[in-house]
Amino acid sequence: MKAPKILPWIAKKAGISEALALKLWRRAAGEAEALTGKAEGSEYWGLAVERFLDLAAEEATLPEASPDNIIPAPRVDWMWRHQSRMSLLSLMAAQNAYRFWQHTWQNLYLPKAMQNRAA
């Protein structure tokens, strides 16, 4: 299993080492595989990355991870969630346009008898 290329960047932003980030990634990927039952697909990757961000954020907030003289890095999990929501917006818009087109087609062109069977 390959780790995402953004892993070192997230580790730096969370204030943790790359080795710890790799361990957290492996844990998140294992949990995602256990939940989805497969090690590929968009559901698996989305769950694995989301879980990894949660684990990295938890690790960054631990007292051992940030000594008193270092300011903890800002959390980056919100950015991933926001990007996921934004990518889903275009899919929702396409789905709504399709439903509108299907509803219009049924109301304008299908006879009343066919509309009852289609619904």
C-alpha atoms as a PDB file:
ATOM      1  CA  MET A   1       0.000   0.000   0.000  1.00  0.00           C
ATOM      2  CA  LYS A   2       1.410   3.353  -1.019  1.00  0.00           C
ATOM      3  CA  ALA A   3       1.133   6.357   1.228  1.00  0.00           C
ATOM      4  CA  PRO A   4      -0.279   9.563  -0.288  1.00  0.00           C
ATOM      5  CA  LYS A   5       2.256  12.055  -1.592  1.00  0.00           C
ATOM      6  CA  ILE A   6       0.789  14.764   0.609  1.00  0.00           C
ATOM      7  CA  LEU A   7       1.752  12.836   3.763  1.00  0.00           C
ATOM      8  CA  PRO A   8       4.995  14.793   4.491  1.00  0.00           C
ATOM      9  CA  TRP A   9       3.188  18.102   4.075  1.00  0.00           C
ATOM     10  CA  ILE A  10       0.438  17.070   6.480  1.00  0.00           C
ATOM     11  CA  ALA A  11       3.062  15.815   8.945  1.00  0.00           C
ATOM     12  CA  LYS A  12       4.867  19.160   8.810  1.00  0.00           C
ATOM     13  CA  LYS A  13       1.635  21.133   9.229  1.00  0.00           C
ATOM     14  CA  ALA A  14       0.547  18.936  12.150  1.00  0.00           C
ATOM     15  CA  GLY A  15       3.977  19.229  13.777  1.00  0.00           C
ATOM     16  CA  ILE A  16       4.714  15.490  13.818  1.00  0.00           C
ATOM     17  CA  SER A  17       7.522  13.448  12.286  1.00  0.00           C
ATOM     18  CA  GLU A  18       7.161  11.780   8.902  1.00  0.00           C
ATOM     19  CA  ALA A  19       7.779   8.371  10.496  1.00  0.00           C
ATOM     20  CA  LEU A  20       4.883   8.923  12.899  1.00  0.00           C
ATOM     21  CA  ALA A  21       2.741  10.193  10.057  1.00  0.00           C
ATOM     22  CA  LEU A  22       3.477   7.007   8.093  1.00  0.00           C
ATOM     23  CA  LYS A  23       2.482   4.894  11.119  1.00  0.00           C
ATOM     24  CA  LEU A  24      -0.737   6.893  11.466  1.00  0.00           C
ATOM     25  CA  TRP A  25      -1.427   6.454   7.743  1.00  0.00           C
ATOM     26  CA  ARG A  26      -1.000   2.684   7.993  1.00  0.00           C
ATOM     27  CA  ARG A  27      -3.354   2.603  10.969  1.00  0.00           C
ATOM     28  CA  ALA A  28      -5.943   4.730   9.171  1.00  0.00           C
ATOM     29  CA  ALA A  29      -5.679   2.597   6.022  1.00  0.00           C
ATOM     30  CA  GLY A  30      -6.119  -0.577   8.052  1.00  0.00           C
ATOM     31  CA  GLU A  31      -9.195   0.819   9.770  1.00  0.00           C
ATOM     32  CA  ALA A  32     -10.648   1.959   6.448  1.00  0.00           C
ATOM     33  CA  GLU A  33     -10.045  -1.464   4.933  1.00  0.00           C
ATOM     34  CA  ALA A  34     -11.737  -3.129   7.893  1.00  0.00           C
ATOM     35  CA  LEU A  35     -14.761  -0.852   7.566  1.00  0.00           C
ATOM     36  CA  THR A  36     -15.161  -1.004   3.788  1.00  0.00           C
ATOM     37  CA  GLY A  37     -13.987  -4.578   3.250  1.00  0.00           C
ATOM     38  CA  LYS A  38     -11.684  -3.595   0.385  1.00  0.00           C
ATOM     39  CA  ALA A  39      -8.403  -1.779  -0.143  1.00  0.00           C
ATOM     40  CA  GLU A  40      -9.336   0.326  -3.152  1.00  0.00           C
ATOM     41  CA  GLY A  41     -12.072   2.628  -4.391  1.00  0.00           C
ATOM     42  CA  SER A  42     -13.181   6.129  -3.563  1.00  0.00           C
ATOM     43  CA  GLU A  43     -15.019   5.143  -0.390  1.00  0.00           C
ATOM     44  CA  TYR A  44     -11.901   3.428   0.983  1.00  0.00           C
ATOM     45  CA  TRP A  45      -9.537   6.299   0.108  1.00  0.00           C
ATOM     46  CA  GLY A  46     -11.900   8.967   1.414  1.00  0.00           C
ATOM     47  CA  LEU A  47     -12.336   7.148   4.711  1.00  0.00           C
ATOM     48  CA  ALA A  48      -8.602   6.440   5.026  1.00  0.00           C
ATOM     49  CA  VAL A  49      -7.590  10.065   4.425  1.00  0.00           C
ATOM     50  CA  GLU A  50     -10.270  11.414   6.733  1.00  0.00           C
ATOM     51  CA  ARG A  51      -9.232   9.018   9.504  1.00  0.00           C
ATOM     52  CA  PHE A  52      -5.558   9.876   8.942  1.00  0.00           C
ATOM     53  CA  LEU A  53      -6.303  13.590   9.304  1.00  0.00           C
ATOM     54  CA  ASP A  54      -8.175  12.911  12.534  1.00  0.00           C
ATOM     55  CA  LEU A  55      -5.292  10.835  13.911  1.00  0.00           C
ATOM     56  CA  ALA A  56      -2.732  13.485  12.897  1.00  0.00           C
ATOM     57  CA  ALA A  57      -4.807  16.223  14.530  1.00  0.00           C
ATOM     58  CA  GLU A  58      -5.113  14.175  17.735  1.00  0.00           C
ATOM     59  CA  GLU A  59      -1.375  13.522  17.762  1.00  0.00           C
ATOM     60  CA  ALA A  60      -0.605  17.203  17.203  1.00  0.00           C
ATOM     61  CA  THR A  61      -2.670  18.238  20.220  1.00  0.00           C
ATOM     62  CA  LEU A  62      -0.919  15.844  22.620  1.00  0.00           C
ATOM     63  CA  PRO A  63       1.347  17.588  25.150  1.00  0.00           C
ATOM     64  CA  GLU A  64       4.319  15.363  24.226  1.00  0.00           C
ATOM     65  CA  ALA A  65       4.057  16.318  20.560  1.00  0.00           C
ATOM     66  CA  SER A  66       4.390  20.068  21.170  1.00  0.00           C
ATOM     67  CA  PRO A  67       6.962  21.308  23.721  1.00  0.00           C
ATOM     68  CA  ASP A  68       6.340  24.590  25.519  1.00  0.00           C
ATOM     69  CA  ASN A  69       8.712  26.577  23.346  1.00  0.00           C
ATOM     70  CA  ILE A  70       7.043  25.549  20.052  1.00  0.00           C
ATOM     71  CA  ILE A  71       3.693  26.914  18.914  1.00  0.00           C
ATOM     72  CA  PRO A  72       1.486  24.072  17.651  1.00  0.00           C
ATOM     73  CA  ALA A  73       0.821  24.113  13.933  1.00  0.00           C
ATOM     74  CA  PRO A  74      -2.700  24.892  12.743  1.00  0.00           C
ATOM     75  CA  ARG A  75      -5.011  21.988  12.069  1.00  0.00           C
ATOM     76  CA  VAL A  76      -5.381  20.950   8.428  1.00  0.00           C
ATOM     77  CA  ASP A  77      -8.300  18.518   8.662  1.00  0.00           C
ATOM     78  CA  TRP A  78     -10.835  21.255   7.926  1.00  0.00           C
ATOM     79  CA  MET A  79      -9.188  21.863   4.553  1.00  0.00           C
ATOM     80  CA  TRP A  80      -9.626  18.252   3.439  1.00  0.00           C
ATOM     81  CA  ARG A  81     -13.277  18.196   4.531  1.00  0.00           C
ATOM     82  CA  HIS A  82     -13.970  21.496   2.783  1.00  0.00           C
ATOM     83  CA  GLN A  83     -12.351  20.227  -0.425  1.00  0.00           C
ATOM     84  CA  SER A  84     -14.471  17.064  -0.255  1.00  0.00           C
ATOM     85  CA  ARG A  85     -17.661  19.081   0.189  1.00  0.00           C
ATOM     86  CA  MET A  86     -16.762  21.364  -2.712  1.00  0.00           C
ATOM     87  CA  SER A  87     -16.094  18.415  -5.015  1.00  0.00           C
ATOM     88  CA  LEU A  88     -19.468  16.927  -4.135  1.00  0.00           C
ATOM     89  CA  LEU A  89     -21.298  20.130  -5.065  1.00  0.00           C
ATOM     90  CA  SER A  90     -20.790  19.611  -8.797  1.00  0.00           C
ATOM     91  CA  LEU A  91     -22.048  16.044  -8.507  1.00  0.00           C
ATOM     92  CA  MET A  92     -25.132  17.221  -6.629  1.00  0.00           C
ATOM     93  CA  ALA A  93     -25.792  19.901  -9.250  1.00  0.00           C
ATOM     94  CA  ALA A  94     -25.552  17.331 -12.044  1.00  0.00           C
ATOM     95  CA  GLN A  95     -27.877  14.979 -10.175  1.00  0.00           C
ATOM     96  CA  ASN A  96     -30.420  17.764  -9.625  1.00  0.00           C
ATOM     97  CA  ALA A  97     -30.269  18.742 -13.307  1.00  0.00           C
ATOM     98  CA  TYR A  98     -30.848  15.117 -14.302  1.00  0.00           C
ATOM     99  CA  ARG A  99     -33.821  14.793 -11.949  1.00  0.00           C
ATOM    100  CA  PHE A 100     -35.309  18.028 -13.288  1.00  0.00           C
ATOM    101  CA  TRP A 101     -34.854  16.824 -16.884  1.00  0.00           C
ATOM    102  CA  GLN A 102     -36.390  13.430 -16.052  1.00  0.00           C
ATOM    103  CA  HIS A 103     -39.368  15.022 -14.289  1.00  0.00           C
ATOM    104  CA  THR A 104     -39.948  17.440 -17.189  1.00  0.00           C
ATOM    105  CA  TRP A 105     -39.674  14.644 -19.726  1.00  0.00           C
ATOM    106  CA  GLN A 106     -42.212  12.531 -17.856  1.00  0.00           C
ATOM    107  CA  ASN A 107     -44.680  15.389 -17.450  1.00  0.00           C
ATOM    108  CA  LEU A 108     -44.488  16.703 -21.014  1.00  0.00           C
ATOM    109  CA  TYR A 109     -44.032  13.699 -23.237  1.00  0.00           C
ATOM    110  CA  LEU A 110     -45.373  10.613 -21.512  1.00  0.00           C
ATOM    111  CA  PRO A 111     -49.115   9.954 -21.541  1.00  0.00           C
ATOM    112  CA  LYS A 112     -50.893   9.887 -18.176  1.00  0.00           C
ATOM    113  CA  ALA A 113     -51.134   6.082 -18.232  1.00  0.00           C
ATOM    114  CA  MET A 114     -47.372   5.761 -18.716  1.00  0.00           C
ATOM    115  CA  GLN A 115     -46.629   8.290 -15.948  1.00  0.00           C
ATOM    116  CA  ASN A 116     -48.405   6.084 -13.396  1.00  0.00           C
ATOM    117  CA  ARG A 117     -46.296   3.075 -14.424  1.00  0.00           C
ATOM    118  CA  ALA A 118     -43.038   5.079 -14.449  1.00  0.00           C
ATOM    119  CA  ALA A 119     -43.587   6.397 -10.917  1.00  0.00           C
END
